[in-house]
Amino acid sequence: MSYLLIVGVLSLLILIHEAGHLLAAKWMGIPIARFSVGFGPRVWSFLAGGTEYRLSMIPCGGYVLPEISDLKEFEKLPLGKRVVFALGGPLANFLAAFICLSAIHVAGHGLSLTALVVAPLVETWQTTVAMVASIPVLFSNPGQLSGLVGIVAIGQEHVGFSAIRLLQFSMFLNINLAVLNLLPVLPLDGGRLVMGTLQRLFPPARRLEFPLTLAGWVALLGLMGYTTFQDISRLVLAAVV
């Protein structure tokens, strides 16, 4: 059951990320054709404000589909709007991490301004800085990397059925998701920010977007495959030992 709990938390955090993009798009007046909870075939949907809100068959995360015909149309949007749209997802995860920490501190120290706001802000910042600092170390020692399988395994072992540990784990994953998405690599949000800025300063740079995005997807899929293999190898070794 705890495995299902961790998978549910992961799905919720990805959904929070996509909801952040949706709210940022609505705020900036960027038309959104579809906001899907999950992937795959449609199970149920409704239309509101020109956007189709869909429940899809595979309940893992979700996605936001802007109502544009092609990439060139998206590039015509003002850079400021594209920046806010890209930042919406990571900021939503930072906010979710802050809320998790607020709940933890209030539960442990009672309701106060320090527990509700000050301590969570400080801890969110400190955790983010530590996570950013650890990125070069992780990639210089790829044996420490872990993927979805490893996260679920570690999560169920650490969390069990403790509400506080679940909040701590959710906080960590929220900040992890935000930081990783802000890396300056296409197709991540940080890569879109960098590419949008480059296109404004040096328009011919748009020719690099497609090959860099393709290379980024290949690298991300390769990394996912590698970490999955690592995770399964660790689990098998642990079971044997």
C-alpha atoms as a PDB file:
ATOM      1  CA  MET A   1       0.000   0.000   0.000  1.00  0.00           C
ATOM      2  CA  SER A   2       2.862   2.406   0.790  1.00  0.00           C
ATOM      3  CA  TYR A   3       4.186   1.889  -2.738  1.00  0.00           C
ATOM      4  CA  LEU A   4       0.854   3.126  -4.099  1.00  0.00           C
ATOM      5  CA  LEU A   5       1.017   6.083  -1.699  1.00  0.00           C
ATOM      6  CA  ILE A   6       4.438   7.154  -3.001  1.00  0.00           C
ATOM      7  CA  VAL A   7       3.362   6.743  -6.640  1.00  0.00           C
ATOM      8  CA  GLY A   8       0.295   8.849  -5.851  1.00  0.00           C
ATOM      9  CA  VAL A   9       2.472  11.554  -4.291  1.00  0.00           C
ATOM     10  CA  LEU A  10       4.789  11.605  -7.321  1.00  0.00           C
ATOM     11  CA  SER A  11       1.797  11.924  -9.650  1.00  0.00           C
ATOM     12  CA  LEU A  12       0.386  14.747  -7.529  1.00  0.00           C
ATOM     13  CA  LEU A  13       3.685  16.681  -7.565  1.00  0.00           C
ATOM     14  CA  ILE A  14       3.899  16.463 -11.350  1.00  0.00           C
ATOM     15  CA  LEU A  15       0.279  17.585 -11.536  1.00  0.00           C
ATOM     16  CA  ILE A  16       1.085  20.567  -9.282  1.00  0.00           C
ATOM     17  CA  HIS A  17       3.907  21.443 -11.659  1.00  0.00           C
ATOM     18  CA  GLU A  18       1.618  21.370 -14.691  1.00  0.00           C
ATOM     19  CA  ALA A  19      -1.103  23.290 -12.824  1.00  0.00           C
ATOM     20  CA  GLY A  20       1.503  26.006 -12.193  1.00  0.00           C
ATOM     21  CA  HIS A  21       2.100  26.269 -15.936  1.00  0.00           C
ATOM     22  CA  LEU A  22      -1.659  26.425 -16.517  1.00  0.00           C
ATOM     23  CA  LEU A  23      -2.233  29.233 -14.010  1.00  0.00           C
ATOM     24  CA  ALA A  24       0.755  31.173 -15.358  1.00  0.00           C
ATOM     25  CA  ALA A  25      -0.606  30.825 -18.908  1.00  0.00           C
ATOM     26  CA  LYS A  26      -4.068  31.991 -17.848  1.00  0.00           C
ATOM     27  CA  TRP A  27      -2.515  34.952 -16.039  1.00  0.00           C
ATOM     28  CA  MET A  28      -0.482  35.922 -19.105  1.00  0.00           C
ATOM     29  CA  GLY A  29      -3.395  35.454 -21.499  1.00  0.00           C
ATOM     30  CA  ILE A  30      -1.759  32.532 -23.306  1.00  0.00           C
ATOM     31  CA  PRO A  31      -4.564  30.370 -24.760  1.00  0.00           C
ATOM     32  CA  ILE A  32      -4.540  26.790 -23.519  1.00  0.00           C
ATOM     33  CA  ALA A  33      -6.271  24.121 -25.577  1.00  0.00           C
ATOM     34  CA  ARG A  34      -6.040  21.306 -23.019  1.00  0.00           C
ATOM     35  CA  PHE A  35      -5.097  20.592 -19.431  1.00  0.00           C
ATOM     36  CA  SER A  36      -4.915  16.870 -18.819  1.00  0.00           C
ATOM     37  CA  VAL A  37      -4.773  14.994 -15.542  1.00  0.00           C
ATOM     38  CA  GLY A  38      -2.896  11.884 -16.626  1.00  0.00           C
ATOM     39  CA  PHE A  39      -1.871  10.691 -20.083  1.00  0.00           C
ATOM     40  CA  GLY A  40      -3.307   8.573 -22.846  1.00  0.00           C
ATOM     41  CA  PRO A  41      -6.920   8.236 -24.023  1.00  0.00           C
ATOM     42  CA  ARG A  42      -9.587  10.516 -22.579  1.00  0.00           C
ATOM     43  CA  VAL A  43     -11.785   9.114 -19.818  1.00  0.00           C
ATOM     44  CA  TRP A  44     -13.816  12.243 -19.057  1.00  0.00           C
ATOM     45  CA  SER A  45     -13.575  15.939 -19.883  1.00  0.00           C
ATOM     46  CA  PHE A  46     -15.354  19.269 -19.805  1.00  0.00           C
ATOM     47  CA  LEU A  47     -14.817  22.638 -21.491  1.00  0.00           C
ATOM     48  CA  ALA A  48     -14.410  25.873 -19.530  1.00  0.00           C
ATOM     49  CA  GLY A  49     -12.965  29.211 -20.602  1.00  0.00           C
ATOM     50  CA  GLY A  50     -11.874  27.814 -23.950  1.00  0.00           C
ATOM     51  CA  THR A  51      -9.806  25.065 -22.298  1.00  0.00           C
ATOM     52  CA  GLU A  52     -10.588  21.354 -22.268  1.00  0.00           C
ATOM     53  CA  TYR A  53     -10.017  19.899 -18.803  1.00  0.00           C
ATOM     54  CA  ARG A  54      -9.442  16.193 -19.278  1.00  0.00           C
ATOM     55  CA  LEU A  55      -9.086  13.117 -17.112  1.00  0.00           C
ATOM     56  CA  SER A  56      -6.940  10.618 -19.014  1.00  0.00           C
ATOM     57  CA  MET A  57      -6.529   6.877 -18.634  1.00  0.00           C
ATOM     58  CA  ILE A  58      -2.976   6.713 -17.242  1.00  0.00           C
ATOM     59  CA  PRO A  59      -3.099   8.505 -13.855  1.00  0.00           C
ATOM     60  CA  CYS A  60       0.490   9.699 -13.665  1.00  0.00           C
ATOM     61  CA  GLY A  61       1.121  13.443 -13.851  1.00  0.00           C
ATOM     62  CA  GLY A  62      -0.428  15.506 -16.605  1.00  0.00           C
ATOM     63  CA  TYR A  63       0.316  18.098 -19.265  1.00  0.00           C
ATOM     64  CA  VAL A  64      -0.607  21.556 -20.549  1.00  0.00           C
ATOM     65  CA  LEU A  65      -1.187  22.006 -24.291  1.00  0.00           C
ATOM     66  CA  PRO A  66      -1.072  25.636 -25.510  1.00  0.00           C
ATOM     67  CA  GLU A  67      -3.508  26.516 -28.282  1.00  0.00           C
ATOM     68  CA  ILE A  68      -0.921  27.296 -30.960  1.00  0.00           C
ATOM     69  CA  SER A  69      -0.432  25.931 -34.444  1.00  0.00           C
ATOM     70  CA  ASP A  70       3.354  25.595 -34.318  1.00  0.00           C
ATOM     71  CA  LEU A  71       6.547  26.659 -32.545  1.00  0.00           C
ATOM     72  CA  LYS A  72       6.850  29.859 -34.592  1.00  0.00           C
ATOM     73  CA  GLU A  73       3.486  31.047 -33.292  1.00  0.00           C
ATOM     74  CA  PHE A  74       4.636  30.425 -29.724  1.00  0.00           C
ATOM     75  CA  GLU A  75       7.842  32.363 -30.366  1.00  0.00           C
ATOM     76  CA  LYS A  76       5.758  35.377 -31.413  1.00  0.00           C
ATOM     77  CA  LEU A  77       4.483  35.693 -27.852  1.00  0.00           C
ATOM     78  CA  PRO A  78       6.259  38.426 -25.850  1.00  0.00           C
ATOM     79  CA  LEU A  79       9.332  37.085 -24.062  1.00  0.00           C
ATOM     80  CA  GLY A  80       7.944  38.153 -20.686  1.00  0.00           C
ATOM     81  CA  LYS A  81       4.864  35.967 -21.144  1.00  0.00           C
ATOM     82  CA  ARG A  82       6.955  32.972 -22.144  1.00  0.00           C
ATOM     83  CA  VAL A  83       9.217  33.474 -19.118  1.00  0.00           C
ATOM     84  CA  VAL A  84       6.269  33.552 -16.715  1.00  0.00           C
ATOM     85  CA  PHE A  85       4.759  30.487 -18.417  1.00  0.00           C
ATOM     86  CA  ALA A  86       8.031  28.557 -18.056  1.00  0.00           C
ATOM     87  CA  LEU A  87       8.510  29.597 -14.420  1.00  0.00           C
ATOM     88  CA  GLY A  88       4.947  28.709 -13.426  1.00  0.00           C
ATOM     89  CA  GLY A  89       5.674  25.002 -12.952  1.00  0.00           C
ATOM     90  CA  PRO A  90       8.829  25.288 -10.811  1.00  0.00           C
ATOM     91  CA  LEU A  91       7.297  28.079  -8.710  1.00  0.00           C
ATOM     92  CA  ALA A  92       4.250  25.898  -8.025  1.00  0.00           C
ATOM     93  CA  ASN A  93       6.563  23.155  -6.730  1.00  0.00           C
ATOM     94  CA  PHE A  94       8.471  25.619  -4.538  1.00  0.00           C
ATOM     95  CA  LEU A  95       5.142  26.817  -3.121  1.00  0.00           C
ATOM     96  CA  ALA A  96       4.033  23.228  -2.469  1.00  0.00           C
ATOM     97  CA  ALA A  97       7.343  22.554  -0.663  1.00  0.00           C
ATOM     98  CA  PHE A  98       6.807  25.673   1.452  1.00  0.00           C
ATOM     99  CA  ILE A  99       3.281  24.503   2.388  1.00  0.00           C
ATOM    100  CA  CYS A 100       4.612  21.060   3.371  1.00  0.00           C
ATOM    101  CA  LEU A 101       7.228  22.664   5.625  1.00  0.00           C
ATOM    102  CA  SER A 102       4.640  25.000   7.155  1.00  0.00           C
ATOM    103  CA  ALA A 103       2.501  22.002   8.093  1.00  0.00           C
ATOM    104  CA  ILE A 104       5.529  20.213   9.582  1.00  0.00           C
ATOM    105  CA  HIS A 105       6.634  23.206  11.670  1.00  0.00           C
ATOM    106  CA  VAL A 106       3.121  24.023  12.887  1.00  0.00           C
ATOM    107  CA  ALA A 107       2.598  20.374  13.875  1.00  0.00           C
ATOM    108  CA  GLY A 108       5.900  20.350  15.773  1.00  0.00           C
ATOM    109  CA  HIS A 109       5.997  23.844  17.286  1.00  0.00           C
ATOM    110  CA  GLY A 110       2.442  25.169  17.271  1.00  0.00           C
ATOM    111  CA  LEU A 111       0.843  27.946  15.258  1.00  0.00           C
ATOM    112  CA  SER A 112       3.064  31.028  15.051  1.00  0.00           C
ATOM    113  CA  LEU A 113       4.483  33.372  12.426  1.00  0.00           C
ATOM    114  CA  THR A 114       7.866  31.671  12.726  1.00  0.00           C
ATOM    115  CA  ALA A 115       6.453  28.179  12.273  1.00  0.00           C
ATOM    116  CA  LEU A 116       4.012  29.175   9.557  1.00  0.00           C
ATOM    117  CA  VAL A 117       6.211  31.453   7.423  1.00  0.00           C
ATOM    118  CA  VAL A 118       9.744  32.248   8.595  1.00  0.00           C
ATOM    119  CA  ALA A 119      11.109  28.759   9.293  1.00  0.00           C
ATOM    120  CA  PRO A 120       9.560  27.220   6.131  1.00  0.00           C
ATOM    121  CA  LEU A 121      11.008  30.016   3.970  1.00  0.00           C
ATOM    122  CA  VAL A 122      14.485  29.571   5.462  1.00  0.00           C
ATOM    123  CA  GLU A 123      14.377  25.778   5.120  1.00  0.00           C
ATOM    124  CA  THR A 124      13.048  25.953   1.564  1.00  0.00           C
ATOM    125  CA  TRP A 125      15.931  28.243   0.624  1.00  0.00           C
ATOM    126  CA  GLN A 126      18.548  26.127   2.408  1.00  0.00           C
ATOM    127  CA  THR A 127      17.282  22.896   0.832  1.00  0.00           C
ATOM    128  CA  THR A 128      17.264  24.493  -2.623  1.00  0.00           C
ATOM    129  CA  VAL A 129      20.831  25.782  -2.250  1.00  0.00           C
ATOM    130  CA  ALA A 130      22.014  22.383  -1.006  1.00  0.00           C
ATOM    131  CA  MET A 131      20.292  20.621  -3.877  1.00  0.00           C
ATOM    132  CA  VAL A 132      21.794  22.952  -6.490  1.00  0.00           C
ATOM    133  CA  ALA A 133      25.239  22.452  -4.956  1.00  0.00           C
ATOM    134  CA  SER A 134      24.830  18.658  -5.105  1.00  0.00           C
ATOM    135  CA  ILE A 135      24.073  18.518  -8.856  1.00  0.00           C
ATOM    136  CA  PRO A 136      27.724  18.545 -10.053  1.00  0.00           C
ATOM    137  CA  VAL A 137      28.589  15.900  -7.452  1.00  0.00           C
ATOM    138  CA  LEU A 138      25.744  13.632  -8.603  1.00  0.00           C
ATOM    139  CA  PHE A 139      26.689  13.831 -12.266  1.00  0.00           C
ATOM    140  CA  SER A 140      30.364  13.302 -11.478  1.00  0.00           C
ATOM    141  CA  ASN A 141      29.373  10.151  -9.590  1.00  0.00           C
ATOM    142  CA  PRO A 142      26.465   8.725 -11.637  1.00  0.00           C
ATOM    143  CA  GLY A 143      26.281   5.632  -9.434  1.00  0.00           C
ATOM    144  CA  GLN A 144      24.445   7.788  -6.874  1.00  0.00           C
ATOM    145  CA  LEU A 145      21.706   8.783  -9.332  1.00  0.00           C
ATOM    146  CA  SER A 146      18.251   7.336  -8.830  1.00  0.00           C
ATOM    147  CA  GLY A 147      15.178   7.240 -11.061  1.00  0.00           C
ATOM    148  CA  LEU A 148      11.471   6.660 -10.572  1.00  0.00           C
ATOM    149  CA  VAL A 149      11.871   3.048  -9.380  1.00  0.00           C
ATOM    150  CA  GLY A 150      14.474   4.071  -6.821  1.00  0.00           C
ATOM    151  CA  ILE A 151      12.442   7.049  -5.613  1.00  0.00           C
ATOM    152  CA  VAL A 152       9.405   4.838  -5.012  1.00  0.00           C
ATOM    153  CA  ALA A 153      11.515   2.229  -3.196  1.00  0.00           C
ATOM    154  CA  ILE A 154      13.285   4.810  -1.021  1.00  0.00           C
ATOM    155  CA  GLY A 155      10.034   6.649  -0.405  1.00  0.00           C
ATOM    156  CA  GLN A 156       8.074   3.664   0.847  1.00  0.00           C
ATOM    157  CA  GLU A 157      10.976   2.654   3.095  1.00  0.00           C
ATOM    158  CA  HIS A 158      11.387   6.143   4.559  1.00  0.00           C
ATOM    159  CA  VAL A 159       7.753   7.228   4.767  1.00  0.00           C
ATOM    160  CA  GLY A 160       5.879   4.127   5.868  1.00  0.00           C
ATOM    161  CA  PHE A 161       2.572   5.529   7.104  1.00  0.00           C
ATOM    162  CA  SER A 162       3.955   8.591   8.921  1.00  0.00           C
ATOM    163  CA  ALA A 163       2.231  11.832   7.884  1.00  0.00           C
ATOM    164  CA  ILE A 164       5.232  13.959   8.908  1.00  0.00           C
ATOM    165  CA  ARG A 165       7.679  11.816   6.930  1.00  0.00           C
ATOM    166  CA  LEU A 166       5.326  11.933   3.955  1.00  0.00           C
ATOM    167  CA  LEU A 167       5.336  15.741   4.132  1.00  0.00           C
ATOM    168  CA  GLN A 168       9.153  15.767   4.410  1.00  0.00           C
ATOM    169  CA  PHE A 169       9.459  13.448   1.417  1.00  0.00           C
ATOM    170  CA  SER A 170       6.977  15.553  -0.585  1.00  0.00           C
ATOM    171  CA  MET A 171       8.896  18.726   0.263  1.00  0.00           C
ATOM    172  CA  PHE A 172      12.154  17.182  -0.928  1.00  0.00           C
ATOM    173  CA  LEU A 173      10.620  15.910  -4.183  1.00  0.00           C
ATOM    174  CA  ASN A 174       8.914  19.237  -4.885  1.00  0.00           C
ATOM    175  CA  ILE A 175      12.192  21.139  -4.591  1.00  0.00           C
ATOM    176  CA  ASN A 176      13.988  18.423  -6.558  1.00  0.00           C
ATOM    177  CA  LEU A 177      11.446  18.700  -9.384  1.00  0.00           C
ATOM    178  CA  ALA A 178      11.653  22.495  -9.401  1.00  0.00           C
ATOM    179  CA  VAL A 179      15.462  22.598  -9.441  1.00  0.00           C
ATOM    180  CA  LEU A 180      15.835  19.947 -12.143  1.00  0.00           C
ATOM    181  CA  ASN A 181      13.302  21.696 -14.376  1.00  0.00           C
ATOM    182  CA  LEU A 182      15.249  24.956 -14.057  1.00  0.00           C
ATOM    183  CA  LEU A 183      18.444  23.405 -15.440  1.00  0.00           C
ATOM    184  CA  PRO A 184      19.404  25.242 -18.667  1.00  0.00           C
ATOM    185  CA  VAL A 185      18.768  22.193 -20.846  1.00  0.00           C
ATOM    186  CA  LEU A 186      16.070  21.861 -23.497  1.00  0.00           C
ATOM    187  CA  PRO A 187      13.297  20.709 -23.303  1.00  0.00           C
ATOM    188  CA  LEU A 188      13.252  21.609 -19.585  1.00  0.00           C
ATOM    189  CA  ASP A 189      11.780  24.913 -18.378  1.00  0.00           C
ATOM    190  CA  GLY A 190      15.234  26.360 -17.733  1.00  0.00           C
ATOM    191  CA  GLY A 191      16.293  25.499 -21.275  1.00  0.00           C
ATOM    192  CA  ARG A 192      13.220  27.283 -22.647  1.00  0.00           C
ATOM    193  CA  LEU A 193      14.107  30.366 -20.598  1.00  0.00           C
ATOM    194  CA  VAL A 194      17.672  30.393 -21.921  1.00  0.00           C
ATOM    195  CA  MET A 195      16.593  29.766 -25.526  1.00  0.00           C
ATOM    196  CA  GLY A 196      13.916  32.463 -25.387  1.00  0.00           C
ATOM    197  CA  THR A 197      16.452  34.981 -24.107  1.00  0.00           C
ATOM    198  CA  LEU A 198      19.005  33.961 -26.760  1.00  0.00           C
ATOM    199  CA  GLN A 199      16.414  34.339 -29.502  1.00  0.00           C
ATOM    200  CA  ARG A 200      15.645  37.854 -28.308  1.00  0.00           C
ATOM    201  CA  LEU A 201      19.333  38.832 -28.224  1.00  0.00           C
ATOM    202  CA  PHE A 202      20.412  36.821 -31.286  1.00  0.00           C
ATOM    203  CA  PRO A 203      17.460  35.805 -33.533  1.00  0.00           C
ATOM    204  CA  PRO A 204      19.411  33.240 -35.629  1.00  0.00           C
ATOM    205  CA  ALA A 205      19.753  31.178 -32.426  1.00  0.00           C
ATOM    206  CA  ARG A 206      16.250  29.813 -33.076  1.00  0.00           C
ATOM    207  CA  ARG A 207      17.841  27.479 -35.645  1.00  0.00           C
ATOM    208  CA  LEU A 208      19.488  25.666 -32.743  1.00  0.00           C
ATOM    209  CA  GLU A 209      16.255  25.035 -30.840  1.00  0.00           C
ATOM    210  CA  PHE A 210      15.116  21.902 -32.664  1.00  0.00           C
ATOM    211  CA  PRO A 211      18.486  20.051 -32.633  1.00  0.00           C
ATOM    212  CA  LEU A 212      19.112  21.064 -29.004  1.00  0.00           C
ATOM    213  CA  THR A 213      15.626  19.940 -27.985  1.00  0.00           C
ATOM    214  CA  LEU A 214      16.099  16.627 -29.789  1.00  0.00           C
ATOM    215  CA  ALA A 215      19.493  16.145 -28.152  1.00  0.00           C
ATOM    216  CA  GLY A 216      17.985  17.027 -24.792  1.00  0.00           C
ATOM    217  CA  TRP A 217      15.215  14.463 -25.162  1.00  0.00           C
ATOM    218  CA  VAL A 218      17.741  11.790 -26.152  1.00  0.00           C
ATOM    219  CA  ALA A 219      19.882  12.653 -23.129  1.00  0.00           C
ATOM    220  CA  LEU A 220      16.895  12.665 -20.752  1.00  0.00           C
ATOM    221  CA  LEU A 221      15.566   9.345 -22.055  1.00  0.00           C
ATOM    222  CA  GLY A 222      19.041   7.865 -21.837  1.00  0.00           C
ATOM    223  CA  LEU A 223      19.377   9.119 -18.254  1.00  0.00           C
ATOM    224  CA  MET A 224      15.961   7.665 -17.372  1.00  0.00           C
ATOM    225  CA  GLY A 225      16.983   4.308 -18.832  1.00  0.00           C
ATOM    226  CA  TYR A 226      20.307   4.351 -16.982  1.00  0.00           C
ATOM    227  CA  THR A 227      18.792   5.273 -13.607  1.00  0.00           C
ATOM    228  CA  THR A 228      16.036   2.675 -14.014  1.00  0.00           C
ATOM    229  CA  PHE A 229      18.655   0.001 -14.699  1.00  0.00           C
ATOM    230  CA  GLN A 230      20.637   1.179 -11.663  1.00  0.00           C
ATOM    231  CA  ASP A 231      17.546   1.120  -9.446  1.00  0.00           C
ATOM    232  CA  ILE A 232      16.504  -2.378 -10.505  1.00  0.00           C
ATOM    233  CA  SER A 233      20.084  -3.653 -10.073  1.00  0.00           C
ATOM    234  CA  ARG A 234      20.174  -2.286  -6.517  1.00  0.00           C
ATOM    235  CA  LEU A 235      16.809  -3.859  -5.663  1.00  0.00           C
ATOM    236  CA  VAL A 236      17.842  -7.233  -7.073  1.00  0.00           C
ATOM    237  CA  LEU A 237      21.176  -7.109  -5.227  1.00  0.00           C
ATOM    238  CA  ALA A 238      19.411  -6.178  -1.979  1.00  0.00           C
ATOM    239  CA  ALA A 239      16.949  -9.042  -2.411  1.00  0.00           C
ATOM    240  CA  VAL A 240      19.765 -11.537  -3.033  1.00  0.00           C
ATOM    241  CA  VAL A 241      21.837 -10.334  -0.080  1.00  0.00           C
END
